[in-house]
Amino acid sequence: MTPDPASAHAVTPLVYSLCGGKTDVPLIEQTLGDFFDAMVARQPDHPALVSVHQGLRYSYRELQTASNQLASALLGLGLETGDRVGIWSHNNAQWVLMQLATAKVGLILVNINPAYRVAEVEYALNKVGCKALVTMPRFKTSDYLGMLRELAPELASDPPGALQSARLPQLRTVVWIDEPGQADEGAGVMRFSSLLASGSAADPRIGTIAKTLRSTQPINIQFTSGTTGFPKGATLTHCNILNNGFFIGEAMRLTPADRLCIPVPLYHCFGMVLGNLACFTHGATIVYPNDGFDALSVLQAVQAERCTGLHGVPTMFIAELDHPRFAEFDLSSLRTGIMAGSPCPTEVMKRVVGEMHLGEVTIAYGMTETSPVSCQSSTTTPLERRVSTVGQVQPHLHVKVVNPETGEVVPVGVSGELCTQGYSVMHGYWGDPEKTAEAIDADGWMHTGDLATMDAEGYVNIVGRIKDMVIRGGENIYPREVEEFLYRHPQIQDVQVVGVPDQKYGEELCAWVIVRPGQTLDAESIRAFCKGQIAHYKVPRYIRFVSEFPMTVTGKIQKFKIRDEMKQQLGLHEDKTA
């Protein structure tokens, strides 16, 4: 029998790991376009967006005008409500204009990861049937237009807007994001500035379409980065991401006085929802320090723009704190922000609070499929809870911890799989009802694949992935626990722990260590540091010193790559199991 959910904020302690969020503030029933227009009406001249690297500034009214003009231009391409439009770009003003413009006329924005290469972008565009694609021409070593020409050589002969490609059969229009004075990119592709100029902010079609849209309609597809197989297109609605952005901003206590520095990527929920939408739902100002992450440009932007908030994954905060010029910058304007993407080491959190003035930094947890945030700490959550948990369940959501084998809710303090239910759960995986049914059960619970515990106050602690748990000689080991201990070592800057196959014990621990700049360290001194402090079976057998970890462009550490590399180096093989 499933117990009744209790409120995470109730006085009565929980007995079972099941609780619901507050419901005193109602859900937003508007579409993203309608909500944004209402915010513009309240504060038209308030700063909405600063794109530092582009030298661009928009008030709320200016952003509304430009996004309406772009919406009109997209309709001018022959696009209709429900059509998919891809965006393949790092952070810039054009990205947020696309986010607003597509939502206003019911187009579905498809976030394409800039790390994708030819096969991946071909798969993504075809999987969801993108009719138009807006892309950066190139970035560092990535030649996006070059990759598209490889996929669609027809671009050389087909006029812009009339592409007929064998390998990209649904794609009709390719638009490249240009800067003033930039040379032409040749036949078949359209400048973003030309596309924008073709639209009219006063186009009556925008208002007409807006009246037909519902908050339950999809407006966004994001591909989840699975460790195996092809990525899945998580499909999100107005209701999903607008409400999530709002309640995230509430947890941060955002107001129009806040200026949020967003160095995290927009093509991921972190930038798009926890960043852009948290700001727009509270009338705050968005600040993009750069197109891709660069620690120095973040420090410069925070100081120059007097930012009050800063987002990042732990590795970003580490890079900022350890930047050789860190002490030069005045970060005293900072108050809040979010650390998410991967678990935050306790020592890092203490430095972020103490050295970056982020006394009200919050921790958020979630996944793309849940828009993304399910749990978040607040600005008033005690520091020890902020470093040891991912906070409590968000409003209008339920979370539970279940036995992965039986599906039964477990008592508080017992580890199991975390599940989420409520408005944030995705519409489904695009074109994949089977995978959707595997992830979301008949009662609407999204199964995260994450191992968690819940305490009597409803605080959730992520202890690992179901597949991340290492079993050594019958002992269950959560790598997170070992990582947290090793972070205490004064010469260790960052560490990741994985399990690797072992003939005797089944698995052994392996640690990849990044040493602090200017320090030296060897494996024996790390083992000596562990001796007597943690159980012998938790001391890593293999220790390797590295300069960086393999990670996704969104800051998630790819532990499977660490595991694969070590297996190859050590000549290890896994015994097959049933």
Protein backbone atom coordinates (compact mmCIF):
# COMPACT_ATOMS: atom_id res chain seq x y z
CA MET A 1 0.00 0.00 0.00
CA THR A 2 1.35 3.42 -0.98
CA PRO A 3 1.30 5.93 1.88
CA ASP A 4 -0.38 9.30 1.42
CA PRO A 5 2.03 12.08 0.41
CA ALA A 6 2.88 14.55 3.11
CA SER A 7 3.97 18.13 2.51
CA ALA A 8 7.71 18.69 2.49
CA HIS A 9 7.06 21.74 4.60
CA ALA A 10 4.80 20.07 7.13
CA VAL A 11 5.73 20.08 10.80
CA THR A 12 5.02 16.37 11.23
CA PRO A 13 8.13 14.34 10.36
CA LEU A 14 7.85 12.01 7.38
CA VAL A 15 7.88 8.25 7.94
CA TYR A 16 7.96 7.25 4.28
CA SER A 17 9.99 8.83 1.45
CA LEU A 18 7.04 10.49 -0.28
CA CYS A 19 6.14 14.16 -0.14
CA GLY A 20 4.39 16.93 -2.06
CA GLY A 21 5.32 20.57 -2.57
CA LYS A 22 3.37 23.63 -1.54
CA THR A 23 0.30 24.62 -3.56
CA ASP A 24 -0.49 28.05 -2.09
CA VAL A 25 0.77 29.86 -5.23
CA PRO A 26 -1.30 28.69 -8.24
CA LEU A 27 0.22 27.33 -11.44
CA ILE A 28 0.54 29.69 -14.42
CA GLU A 29 -2.04 28.75 -17.03
CA GLN A 30 -0.86 31.27 -19.67
CA THR A 31 1.36 30.55 -22.63
CA LEU A 32 4.92 31.80 -22.53
CA GLY A 33 4.13 34.54 -25.08
CA ASP A 34 1.12 35.87 -23.14
CA PHE A 35 3.02 35.82 -19.83
CA PHE A 36 5.99 37.65 -21.34
CA ASP A 37 3.75 40.30 -22.93
CA ALA A 38 2.07 40.91 -19.56
CA MET A 39 5.52 41.41 -17.97
CA VAL A 40 6.43 43.90 -20.74
CA ALA A 41 3.23 45.85 -20.03
CA ARG A 42 4.26 46.11 -16.36
CA GLN A 43 7.84 47.29 -16.95
CA PRO A 44 8.47 48.16 -20.62
CA ASP A 45 11.66 50.16 -20.06
CA HIS A 46 13.30 47.82 -17.55
CA PRO A 47 16.52 46.13 -18.79
CA ALA A 48 15.71 42.62 -20.04
CA LEU A 49 18.91 41.40 -21.67
CA VAL A 50 22.60 42.30 -21.76
CA SER A 51 24.73 40.23 -24.16
CA VAL A 52 28.18 41.40 -23.10
CA HIS A 53 30.24 39.71 -25.82
CA GLN A 54 27.94 41.12 -28.53
CA GLY A 55 27.67 44.62 -27.04
CA LEU A 56 23.85 44.34 -27.14
CA ARG A 57 21.28 45.64 -24.64
CA TYR A 58 17.49 45.27 -24.76
CA SER A 59 14.73 46.65 -22.56
CA TYR A 60 11.66 44.44 -22.08
CA ARG A 61 9.81 46.46 -24.75
CA GLU A 62 12.75 46.23 -27.21
CA LEU A 63 12.98 42.47 -26.67
CA GLN A 64 9.23 42.16 -27.27
CA THR A 65 9.45 44.18 -30.49
CA ALA A 66 12.40 42.16 -31.82
CA SER A 67 10.83 38.79 -30.91
CA ASN A 68 7.51 39.77 -32.54
CA GLN A 69 9.40 40.83 -35.65
CA LEU A 70 11.20 37.47 -35.70
CA ALA A 71 7.94 35.56 -35.14
CA SER A 72 6.50 37.37 -38.17
CA ALA A 73 9.59 36.48 -40.22
CA LEU A 74 9.33 32.79 -39.26
CA LEU A 75 5.69 32.76 -40.39
CA GLY A 76 6.92 34.39 -43.61
CA LEU A 77 9.03 31.23 -44.25
CA GLY A 78 5.76 29.26 -44.44
CA LEU A 79 6.13 27.76 -40.96
CA GLU A 80 2.93 26.86 -39.08
CA THR A 81 1.99 26.11 -35.47
CA GLY A 82 3.48 22.76 -34.43
CA ASP A 83 6.35 22.87 -36.96
CA ARG A 84 9.82 22.25 -35.56
CA VAL A 85 12.59 24.83 -35.83
CA GLY A 86 16.15 23.99 -34.76
CA ILE A 87 18.65 26.26 -33.03
CA TRP A 88 22.29 25.15 -33.14
CA SER A 89 24.22 27.76 -31.25
CA HIS A 90 26.00 28.85 -28.13
CA ASN A 91 24.68 31.75 -26.00
CA ASN A 92 23.70 34.98 -27.76
CA ALA A 93 20.82 37.43 -28.14
CA GLN A 94 19.57 35.59 -31.24
CA TRP A 95 19.04 32.47 -29.16
CA VAL A 96 16.69 34.15 -26.71
CA LEU A 97 14.87 35.89 -29.56
CA MET A 98 14.25 32.47 -31.09
CA GLN A 99 13.02 31.16 -27.73
CA LEU A 100 10.42 33.93 -27.47
CA ALA A 101 9.48 34.17 -31.15
CA THR A 102 8.80 30.45 -31.61
CA ALA A 103 6.72 30.26 -28.42
CA LYS A 104 4.59 33.24 -29.52
CA VAL A 105 3.36 31.51 -32.68
CA GLY A 106 3.32 27.91 -31.45
CA LEU A 107 6.45 26.70 -33.23
CA ILE A 108 8.48 24.03 -31.43
CA LEU A 109 12.06 25.12 -30.74
CA VAL A 110 14.51 22.22 -31.03
CA ASN A 111 17.70 22.73 -29.01
CA ILE A 112 20.65 21.21 -30.87
CA ASN A 113 23.81 20.67 -28.84
CA PRO A 114 26.76 22.59 -30.36
CA ALA A 115 28.97 19.59 -29.57
CA TYR A 116 27.00 17.50 -32.09
CA ARG A 117 28.79 16.40 -35.20
CA VAL A 118 27.52 15.30 -38.60
CA ALA A 119 25.85 11.99 -37.68
CA GLU A 120 24.25 13.41 -34.54
CA VAL A 121 22.82 16.54 -36.15
CA GLU A 122 21.51 14.45 -39.05
CA TYR A 123 19.77 12.16 -36.55
CA ALA A 124 18.32 15.03 -34.50
CA LEU A 125 17.00 17.08 -37.44
CA ASN A 126 15.38 14.03 -39.03
CA LYS A 127 14.05 12.52 -35.80
CA VAL A 128 11.82 15.52 -35.12
CA GLY A 129 11.48 16.75 -38.74
CA CYS A 130 12.96 20.26 -38.47
CA LYS A 131 11.79 22.51 -41.33
CA ALA A 132 14.17 25.35 -40.49
CA LEU A 133 17.50 25.58 -38.69
CA VAL A 134 19.20 28.65 -37.21
CA THR A 135 22.91 28.07 -36.63
CA MET A 136 26.17 29.73 -35.71
CA PRO A 137 28.38 29.63 -38.83
CA ARG A 138 31.33 28.30 -36.78
CA PHE A 139 32.75 28.31 -33.26
CA LYS A 140 36.39 27.61 -32.40
CA THR A 141 37.10 24.33 -34.22
CA SER A 142 33.45 23.61 -35.11
CA ASP A 143 32.35 24.49 -38.64
CA TYR A 144 28.55 24.24 -38.45
CA LEU A 145 27.81 25.42 -41.98
CA GLY A 146 30.55 23.10 -43.25
CA MET A 147 28.85 20.13 -41.54
CA LEU A 148 25.47 21.12 -43.01
CA ARG A 149 26.98 21.40 -46.50
CA GLU A 150 28.44 17.93 -46.04
CA LEU A 151 24.98 16.64 -45.12
CA ALA A 152 23.14 18.71 -47.73
CA PRO A 153 25.37 19.51 -50.72
CA GLU A 154 22.12 20.72 -52.35
CA LEU A 155 22.59 23.99 -50.39
CA ALA A 156 25.01 25.04 -53.16
CA SER A 157 22.27 25.01 -55.81
CA ASP A 158 18.90 25.30 -54.03
CA PRO A 159 17.77 28.86 -53.15
CA PRO A 160 17.35 29.78 -49.45
CA GLY A 161 14.03 28.51 -48.14
CA ALA A 162 13.64 25.90 -50.88
CA LEU A 163 16.16 23.24 -49.87
CA GLN A 164 15.47 19.75 -51.22
CA SER A 165 18.01 17.52 -49.52
CA ALA A 166 18.25 13.74 -49.82
CA ARG A 167 19.72 13.25 -46.33
CA LEU A 168 17.67 16.03 -44.63
CA PRO A 169 14.35 15.59 -46.44
CA GLN A 170 12.24 17.85 -44.18
CA LEU A 171 14.68 20.77 -43.87
CA ARG A 172 13.81 23.74 -46.09
CA THR A 173 15.66 26.74 -44.64
CA VAL A 174 19.12 27.25 -43.12
CA VAL A 175 19.75 30.59 -41.38
CA TRP A 176 23.17 31.61 -40.07
CA ILE A 177 23.69 34.01 -37.16
CA ASP A 178 25.66 36.95 -38.56
CA GLU A 179 27.32 39.93 -36.95
CA PRO A 180 27.36 43.41 -38.54
CA GLY A 181 29.80 43.68 -41.42
CA GLN A 182 30.41 39.93 -41.64
CA ALA A 183 31.22 38.55 -45.12
CA ASP A 184 28.59 36.47 -46.90
CA GLU A 185 28.51 32.69 -46.33
CA GLY A 186 27.57 31.82 -49.89
CA ALA A 187 24.56 30.32 -51.61
CA GLY A 188 21.71 28.46 -50.06
CA VAL A 189 21.85 29.99 -46.57
CA MET A 190 20.14 33.10 -45.23
CA ARG A 191 21.52 35.72 -42.83
CA PHE A 192 19.72 36.00 -39.50
CA SER A 193 19.71 39.80 -39.87
CA SER A 194 18.00 39.47 -43.27
CA LEU A 195 15.43 37.04 -41.87
CA LEU A 196 14.67 39.41 -38.97
CA ALA A 197 14.35 42.39 -41.32
CA SER A 198 11.76 40.51 -43.39
CA GLY A 199 9.29 40.43 -40.48
CA SER A 200 6.98 43.06 -38.98
CA ALA A 201 6.53 43.55 -35.24
CA ALA A 202 2.96 44.65 -35.94
CA ASP A 203 2.06 41.48 -37.93
CA PRO A 204 -1.61 40.77 -37.02
CA ARG A 205 -1.05 37.02 -37.50
CA ILE A 206 0.90 36.88 -34.22
CA GLY A 207 -2.08 37.96 -32.10
CA THR A 208 -4.47 35.77 -34.09
CA ILE A 209 -2.32 32.67 -33.56
CA ALA A 210 -1.70 33.53 -29.88
CA LYS A 211 -5.46 33.26 -29.23
CA THR A 212 -5.46 29.64 -30.49
CA LEU A 213 -2.52 28.44 -28.35
CA ARG A 214 -2.88 26.47 -25.12
CA SER A 215 -0.37 26.12 -22.28
CA THR A 216 -0.44 22.34 -22.67
CA GLN A 217 1.02 22.48 -26.21
CA PRO A 218 4.65 21.53 -26.81
CA ILE A 219 7.10 24.41 -27.50
CA ASN A 220 10.47 22.81 -26.93
CA ILE A 221 12.40 19.61 -27.69
CA GLN A 222 15.69 18.85 -25.96
CA PHE A 223 17.75 15.79 -26.69
CA THR A 224 18.83 13.94 -23.60
CA SER A 225 22.40 12.83 -23.52
CA GLY A 226 22.14 9.16 -22.74
CA THR A 227 25.29 7.12 -22.25
CA THR A 228 24.06 4.54 -24.70
CA GLY A 229 22.11 4.56 -27.92
CA PHE A 230 20.68 7.52 -29.77
CA PRO A 231 19.56 10.59 -27.83
CA LYS A 232 15.85 10.92 -27.07
CA GLY A 233 13.89 14.12 -27.76
CA ALA A 234 12.26 15.20 -24.48
CA THR A 235 9.23 17.27 -25.49
CA LEU A 236 8.24 20.12 -23.16
CA THR A 237 5.15 22.38 -23.06
CA HIS A 238 4.52 26.03 -22.12
CA CYS A 239 3.14 24.76 -18.80
CA ASN A 240 6.23 22.58 -18.17
CA ILE A 241 8.97 25.16 -18.57
CA LEU A 242 7.16 28.41 -17.73
CA ASN A 243 6.03 27.17 -14.32
CA ASN A 244 9.36 25.53 -13.64
CA GLY A 245 11.18 28.77 -14.46
CA PHE A 246 8.80 30.68 -12.19
CA PHE A 247 9.17 28.44 -9.13
CA ILE A 248 12.95 28.27 -9.61
CA GLY A 249 13.01 32.09 -9.51
CA GLU A 250 10.80 32.03 -6.40
CA ALA A 251 13.28 29.77 -4.60
CA MET A 252 16.02 32.31 -5.45
CA ARG A 253 13.79 35.24 -4.32
CA LEU A 254 14.26 36.96 -7.68
CA THR A 255 12.81 40.45 -8.25
CA PRO A 256 13.15 43.02 -11.04
CA ALA A 257 16.16 44.37 -9.13
CA ASP A 258 18.13 41.18 -9.86
CA ARG A 259 20.66 40.80 -12.65
CA LEU A 260 21.50 37.17 -13.35
CA CYS A 261 24.80 36.19 -14.98
CA ILE A 262 24.19 33.11 -17.16
CA PRO A 263 27.39 31.38 -18.34
CA VAL A 264 25.62 28.01 -18.59
CA PRO A 265 24.40 26.90 -22.03
CA LEU A 266 21.01 27.99 -23.34
CA TYR A 267 20.61 24.82 -25.40
CA HIS A 268 20.26 23.01 -22.10
CA CYS A 269 17.51 23.47 -19.52
CA PHE A 270 20.00 25.10 -17.16
CA GLY A 271 20.41 28.19 -19.30
CA MET A 272 17.01 28.20 -20.96
CA VAL A 273 14.76 27.54 -17.94
CA LEU A 274 16.78 28.13 -14.75
CA GLY A 275 18.32 31.18 -16.44
CA ASN A 276 16.11 32.88 -19.04
CA LEU A 277 12.70 31.85 -17.76
CA ALA A 278 13.51 32.38 -14.08
CA CYS A 279 14.39 35.98 -15.09
CA PHE A 280 11.48 36.64 -17.44
CA THR A 281 8.90 35.37 -14.92
CA HIS A 282 10.24 37.84 -12.32
CA GLY A 283 11.06 40.83 -14.50
CA ALA A 284 14.79 40.40 -13.79
CA THR A 285 17.69 41.15 -16.16
CA ILE A 286 19.59 38.46 -18.08
CA VAL A 287 23.36 38.89 -18.52
CA TYR A 288 25.31 36.67 -20.96
CA PRO A 289 29.03 37.05 -20.25
CA ASN A 290 30.14 35.18 -23.37
CA ASP A 291 29.03 32.70 -26.01
CA GLY A 292 30.88 29.76 -24.44
CA PHE A 293 32.15 29.39 -20.87
CA ASP A 294 35.19 31.41 -19.96
CA ALA A 295 35.95 32.00 -16.26
CA LEU A 296 37.58 35.41 -16.78
CA SER A 297 34.65 36.80 -18.80
CA VAL A 298 32.26 35.66 -16.04
CA LEU A 299 34.26 37.52 -13.36
CA GLN A 300 34.45 40.60 -15.61
CA ALA A 301 30.69 40.54 -16.37
CA VAL A 302 29.68 40.12 -12.71
CA GLN A 303 31.77 43.15 -11.75
CA ALA A 304 30.90 45.38 -14.73
CA GLU A 305 27.15 44.64 -14.72
CA ARG A 306 26.82 44.43 -10.91
CA CYS A 307 25.20 41.02 -11.19
CA THR A 308 23.26 39.80 -8.16
CA GLY A 309 23.02 36.18 -9.29
CA LEU A 310 25.33 33.64 -10.91
CA HIS A 311 24.60 30.18 -12.28
CA GLY A 312 27.05 27.38 -12.85
CA VAL A 313 27.98 23.73 -12.55
CA PRO A 314 30.58 22.94 -9.87
CA THR A 315 33.45 22.81 -12.38
CA MET A 316 32.60 26.38 -13.51
CA PHE A 317 32.64 27.71 -9.95
CA ILE A 318 35.95 25.90 -9.35
CA ALA A 319 37.43 27.50 -12.50
CA GLU A 320 36.29 30.97 -11.37
CA LEU A 321 37.58 30.56 -7.81
CA ASP A 322 40.94 29.22 -8.98
CA HIS A 323 41.44 31.79 -11.77
CA PRO A 324 44.79 33.55 -11.22
CA ARG A 325 43.07 36.97 -11.42
CA PHE A 326 40.14 36.06 -9.11
CA ALA A 327 41.23 38.46 -6.33
CA GLU A 328 41.16 41.46 -8.74
CA PHE A 329 37.37 41.44 -9.09
CA ASP A 330 34.67 42.99 -6.93
CA LEU A 331 31.95 40.35 -6.62
CA SER A 332 30.21 41.99 -3.66
CA SER A 333 27.01 42.57 -5.67
CA LEU A 334 26.38 38.79 -5.77
CA ARG A 335 23.64 37.31 -3.60
CA THR A 336 22.09 34.23 -5.15
CA GLY A 337 22.34 31.80 -8.02
CA ILE A 338 22.12 28.11 -8.71
CA MET A 339 24.64 25.34 -8.62
CA ALA A 340 23.43 22.27 -10.48
CA GLY A 341 24.39 19.74 -13.17
CA SER A 342 26.36 17.47 -10.87
CA PRO A 343 26.76 17.11 -7.09
CA CYS A 344 28.55 19.98 -5.41
CA PRO A 345 31.54 19.14 -3.25
CA THR A 346 31.15 20.53 0.25
CA GLU A 347 34.48 22.35 0.17
CA VAL A 348 33.59 24.07 -3.10
CA MET A 349 30.25 25.23 -1.71
CA LYS A 350 31.97 26.74 1.34
CA ARG A 351 34.31 28.71 -0.94
CA VAL A 352 31.46 29.89 -3.18
CA VAL A 353 29.60 31.24 -0.16
CA GLY A 354 32.67 32.67 1.56
CA GLU A 355 34.77 34.03 -1.33
CA MET A 356 32.12 34.87 -3.96
CA HIS A 357 29.52 36.47 -1.66
CA LEU A 358 26.93 33.92 -2.72
CA GLY A 359 25.39 33.49 0.71
CA GLU A 360 22.00 32.69 -0.83
CA VAL A 361 23.18 30.31 -3.56
CA THR A 362 20.73 27.46 -4.08
CA ILE A 363 21.16 23.87 -5.20
CA ALA A 364 18.81 22.51 -7.84
CA TYR A 365 18.25 18.96 -8.98
CA GLY A 366 16.35 17.61 -11.92
CA MET A 367 16.49 16.19 -15.42
CA THR A 368 15.52 17.41 -18.86
CA GLU A 369 12.43 15.20 -18.76
CA THR A 370 11.11 17.13 -15.75
CA SER A 371 11.58 20.64 -17.19
CA PRO A 372 14.08 20.21 -15.37
CA VAL A 373 13.92 21.00 -11.62
CA SER A 374 12.15 18.71 -9.14
CA CYS A 375 13.97 19.66 -5.94
CA GLN A 376 15.70 22.85 -4.90
CA SER A 377 17.07 24.40 -1.77
CA SER A 378 15.97 27.94 -0.93
CA THR A 379 17.99 31.02 0.01
CA THR A 380 17.24 30.31 3.66
CA THR A 381 18.11 26.60 3.67
CA PRO A 382 20.82 26.05 6.29
CA LEU A 383 24.27 25.73 4.69
CA GLU A 384 24.79 22.20 5.99
CA ARG A 385 21.57 21.15 4.19
CA ARG A 386 22.68 22.93 1.02
CA VAL A 387 25.87 20.95 0.87
CA SER A 388 24.42 17.62 1.92
CA THR A 389 21.10 17.60 -0.01
CA VAL A 390 19.45 18.95 -3.18
CA GLY A 391 16.73 20.62 -1.12
CA GLN A 392 13.04 19.84 -0.97
CA VAL A 393 10.37 19.14 -3.53
CA GLN A 394 9.27 22.09 -5.68
CA PRO A 395 5.70 23.49 -5.48
CA HIS A 396 2.93 21.51 -7.21
CA LEU A 397 5.17 18.44 -7.55
CA HIS A 398 5.50 15.14 -5.73
CA VAL A 399 8.68 13.15 -5.25
CA LYS A 400 9.13 9.68 -3.81
CA VAL A 401 11.92 7.18 -3.27
CA VAL A 402 11.05 3.61 -4.23
CA ASN A 403 12.62 0.20 -4.11
CA PRO A 404 13.82 -0.20 -7.74
CA GLU A 405 12.76 -3.87 -7.78
CA THR A 406 9.33 -3.70 -6.14
CA GLY A 407 8.29 -0.08 -6.77
CA GLU A 408 7.26 0.24 -3.10
CA VAL A 409 7.91 3.54 -1.33
CA VAL A 410 10.81 3.08 1.11
CA PRO A 411 10.99 4.45 4.68
CA VAL A 412 12.89 7.73 5.22
CA GLY A 413 16.68 7.31 5.20
CA VAL A 414 16.56 4.25 2.95
CA SER A 415 18.14 4.47 -0.51
CA GLY A 416 16.07 3.84 -3.63
CA GLU A 417 15.11 5.27 -7.02
CA LEU A 418 13.82 8.85 -7.05
CA CYS A 419 10.59 9.46 -8.98
CA THR A 420 8.81 12.76 -9.81
CA GLN A 421 5.15 13.46 -10.54
CA GLY A 422 3.31 16.67 -11.48
CA TYR A 423 3.11 19.52 -14.00
CA SER A 424 6.86 19.33 -14.78
CA VAL A 425 6.83 15.83 -16.26
CA MET A 426 7.47 16.04 -20.00
CA HIS A 427 4.88 15.60 -22.72
CA GLY A 428 6.92 12.54 -23.80
CA TYR A 429 9.85 11.53 -26.00
CA TRP A 430 9.17 12.79 -29.54
CA GLY A 431 8.03 9.97 -31.79
CA ASP A 432 8.93 7.30 -29.25
CA PRO A 433 5.91 6.05 -27.26
CA GLU A 434 7.79 2.91 -26.12
CA LYS A 435 10.66 4.83 -24.52
CA THR A 436 8.11 7.27 -23.03
CA ALA A 437 6.21 4.38 -21.42
CA GLU A 438 9.48 2.99 -20.00
CA ALA A 439 10.27 6.33 -18.33
CA ILE A 440 6.80 7.46 -17.17
CA ASP A 441 4.62 4.88 -15.44
CA ALA A 442 0.85 4.53 -15.64
CA ASP A 443 0.38 6.89 -12.66
CA GLY A 444 2.44 9.65 -14.27
CA TRP A 445 5.63 9.15 -12.24
CA MET A 446 8.87 9.89 -14.05
CA HIS A 447 11.52 7.36 -13.06
CA THR A 448 14.81 9.26 -12.86
CA GLY A 449 17.32 6.40 -12.65
CA ASP A 450 18.93 8.29 -9.75
CA LEU A 451 19.49 6.77 -6.34
CA ALA A 452 18.37 8.99 -3.50
CA THR A 453 17.44 9.12 0.16
CA MET A 454 14.85 11.38 1.80
CA ASP A 455 14.96 12.50 5.40
CA ALA A 456 12.08 13.15 7.80
CA GLU A 457 11.89 16.82 6.71
CA GLY A 458 11.64 15.94 3.03
CA TYR A 459 15.22 16.87 2.12
CA VAL A 460 16.47 14.73 -0.75
CA ASN A 461 20.06 13.51 -1.13
CA ILE A 462 21.24 12.09 -4.45
CA VAL A 463 23.62 9.25 -3.67
CA GLY A 464 24.35 8.13 -7.22
CA ARG A 465 22.96 6.69 -10.41
CA ILE A 466 21.50 3.23 -10.22
CA LYS A 467 24.30 2.11 -12.52
CA ASP A 468 26.91 4.19 -10.68
CA MET A 469 26.80 2.14 -7.54
CA VAL A 470 29.92 0.06 -7.19
CA ILE A 471 29.66 -3.39 -5.62
CA ARG A 472 33.06 -4.53 -4.31
CA GLY A 473 33.13 -7.93 -2.76
CA GLY A 474 29.47 -7.60 -1.77
CA GLU A 475 29.89 -4.10 -0.29
CA ASN A 476 27.78 -1.35 -1.89
CA ILE A 477 29.86 1.80 -2.47
CA TYR A 478 28.52 5.11 -3.69
CA PRO A 479 31.30 6.98 -5.52
CA ARG A 480 29.87 10.30 -4.31
CA GLU A 481 30.75 9.41 -0.72
CA VAL A 482 34.39 8.69 -1.61
CA GLU A 483 34.60 11.86 -3.74
CA GLU A 484 33.32 13.99 -0.85
CA PHE A 485 35.98 12.56 1.41
CA LEU A 486 38.82 13.12 -1.10
CA TYR A 487 37.72 16.74 -1.62
CA ARG A 488 38.94 17.37 1.92
CA HIS A 489 42.53 16.76 0.82
CA PRO A 490 44.14 20.20 0.66
CA GLN A 491 46.00 19.48 -2.61
CA ILE A 492 43.06 17.99 -4.51
CA GLN A 493 41.14 20.44 -6.69
CA ASP A 494 38.65 18.01 -8.21
CA VAL A 495 38.10 14.26 -8.21
CA GLN A 496 35.87 11.67 -9.86
CA VAL A 497 35.48 8.10 -8.67
CA VAL A 498 34.25 5.16 -10.77
CA GLY A 499 34.11 1.39 -10.51
CA VAL A 500 36.23 -0.77 -12.80
CA PRO A 501 36.05 -4.55 -13.28
CA ASP A 502 38.07 -6.82 -10.98
CA GLN A 503 38.48 -10.58 -11.16
CA LYS A 504 38.64 -11.04 -7.39
CA TYR A 505 36.17 -8.49 -6.00
CA GLY A 506 33.90 -7.94 -9.03
CA GLU A 507 34.71 -4.22 -9.01
CA GLU A 508 37.43 -1.94 -7.63
CA LEU A 509 37.44 1.81 -7.20
CA CYS A 510 39.39 4.12 -9.47
CA ALA A 511 39.92 7.84 -8.76
CA TRP A 512 40.80 10.48 -11.36
CA VAL A 513 42.37 13.42 -9.58
CA ILE A 514 43.03 17.03 -10.63
CA VAL A 515 45.73 18.53 -8.40
CA ARG A 516 45.56 22.20 -7.32
CA PRO A 517 47.76 24.51 -9.44
CA GLY A 518 51.37 24.63 -8.19
CA GLN A 519 50.94 21.53 -5.99
CA THR A 520 52.36 18.03 -6.36
CA LEU A 521 50.77 14.84 -5.21
CA ASP A 522 51.27 11.10 -5.58
CA ALA A 523 49.03 8.09 -5.21
CA GLU A 524 50.63 6.84 -2.00
CA SER A 525 50.02 10.08 -0.12
CA ILE A 526 46.33 9.95 -1.17
CA ARG A 527 46.06 6.37 0.14
CA ALA A 528 47.79 7.46 3.37
CA PHE A 529 45.21 10.28 3.67
CA CYS A 530 42.43 7.69 3.42
CA LYS A 531 43.95 5.19 5.85
CA GLY A 532 41.93 4.95 8.95
CA GLN A 533 39.51 7.60 7.77
CA ILE A 534 37.28 5.56 5.48
CA ALA A 535 36.65 1.82 5.18
CA HIS A 536 39.49 0.00 3.42
CA TYR A 537 37.22 -1.13 0.63
CA LYS A 538 36.42 2.52 -0.17
CA VAL A 539 40.08 3.43 -0.73
CA PRO A 540 40.61 3.64 -4.52
CA ARG A 541 42.86 0.89 -5.81
CA TYR A 542 43.69 2.86 -8.95
CA ILE A 543 44.59 6.56 -8.84
CA ARG A 544 45.32 8.57 -11.95
CA PHE A 545 46.30 12.24 -12.16
CA VAL A 546 44.66 14.21 -14.98
CA SER A 547 44.27 17.83 -16.08
CA GLU A 548 40.56 17.54 -16.96
CA PHE A 549 37.58 15.18 -16.99
CA PRO A 550 35.56 14.12 -20.02
CA MET A 551 32.29 15.99 -19.80
CA THR A 552 29.29 16.99 -21.83
CA VAL A 553 29.08 20.61 -22.92
CA THR A 554 26.49 21.11 -20.19
CA GLY A 555 29.02 20.29 -17.48
CA LYS A 556 27.97 16.73 -16.65
CA ILE A 557 30.95 14.46 -16.04
CA GLN A 558 30.91 11.46 -18.39
CA LYS A 559 31.93 8.75 -15.95
CA PHE A 560 31.41 6.01 -18.52
CA LYS A 561 34.30 7.49 -20.54
CA ILE A 562 36.57 7.46 -17.47
CA ARG A 563 35.56 3.84 -16.87
CA ASP A 564 36.16 2.84 -20.51
CA GLU A 565 39.58 4.50 -20.64
CA MET A 566 40.73 2.82 -17.43
CA LYS A 567 39.55 -0.59 -18.61
CA GLN A 568 41.60 -0.11 -21.76
CA GLN A 569 44.70 1.17 -19.90
CA LEU A 570 44.65 -1.61 -17.34
CA GLY A 571 43.62 -4.35 -19.75
CA LEU A 572 40.56 -5.16 -17.67
CA HIS A 573 37.50 -7.00 -18.87
CA GLU A 574 34.08 -7.44 -17.36
CA ASP A 575 32.63 -10.82 -16.68
CA LYS A 576 29.24 -10.98 -18.33
CA THR A 577 26.29 -11.18 -15.99
CA ALA A 578 22.76 -12.43 -16.62
